[in-house]
């Protein structure tokens, strides 16, 4: 939703500026956790309940975190709760990580493989992809047997699909046209 992205942008940028002054990796982990919690339907329903106070919502969310909140993070969470903006947390997380990747010269890579990849295979694939895309990649690997063979890689708006399913689809299109 464009509206959520627009509203979340100032929050993500402000949080990123605070994170740059401190430990960016630690903040990144915290923002990821908050995004997961903010995406949970039961948390959102609890936060929208008019019988629950803002301090109770903040306390419950803080209790769900693995990482203890520092003063800035606690203020940030309290402000989001008071303004009824908990549903923005996943979008804030997405934008925060995009800002972090931009500063680090990195990008997220969604790698979908037809088969499980071990650590050595993943490392080799990522090294090859980093050369191809010209930047450091943060991979997330999933398995999709419907690919039949090969991999499908999405980095930002670039897609590299070397799967057997994609090649069969290309052949089908060529034969039917």
Foldseek 3Di string as FASTA:
>chain_A
DVVLLVVLVVVLVVLLVVCVVDPVVVSLVVLVLLLVLLCDPVLLVVLPDPVDDLVRSLVVSQVSDPDHDDPVRSVSSSVCSVVVNSNSSNSSSVNNVVVVCVVQQEWEKEKEFLDDDDPVRVVVVQVVVCVVVVGHYDYDYHYDNVLVGDMWMDTPPDIDRPGPVVVVVVVVVVVVD
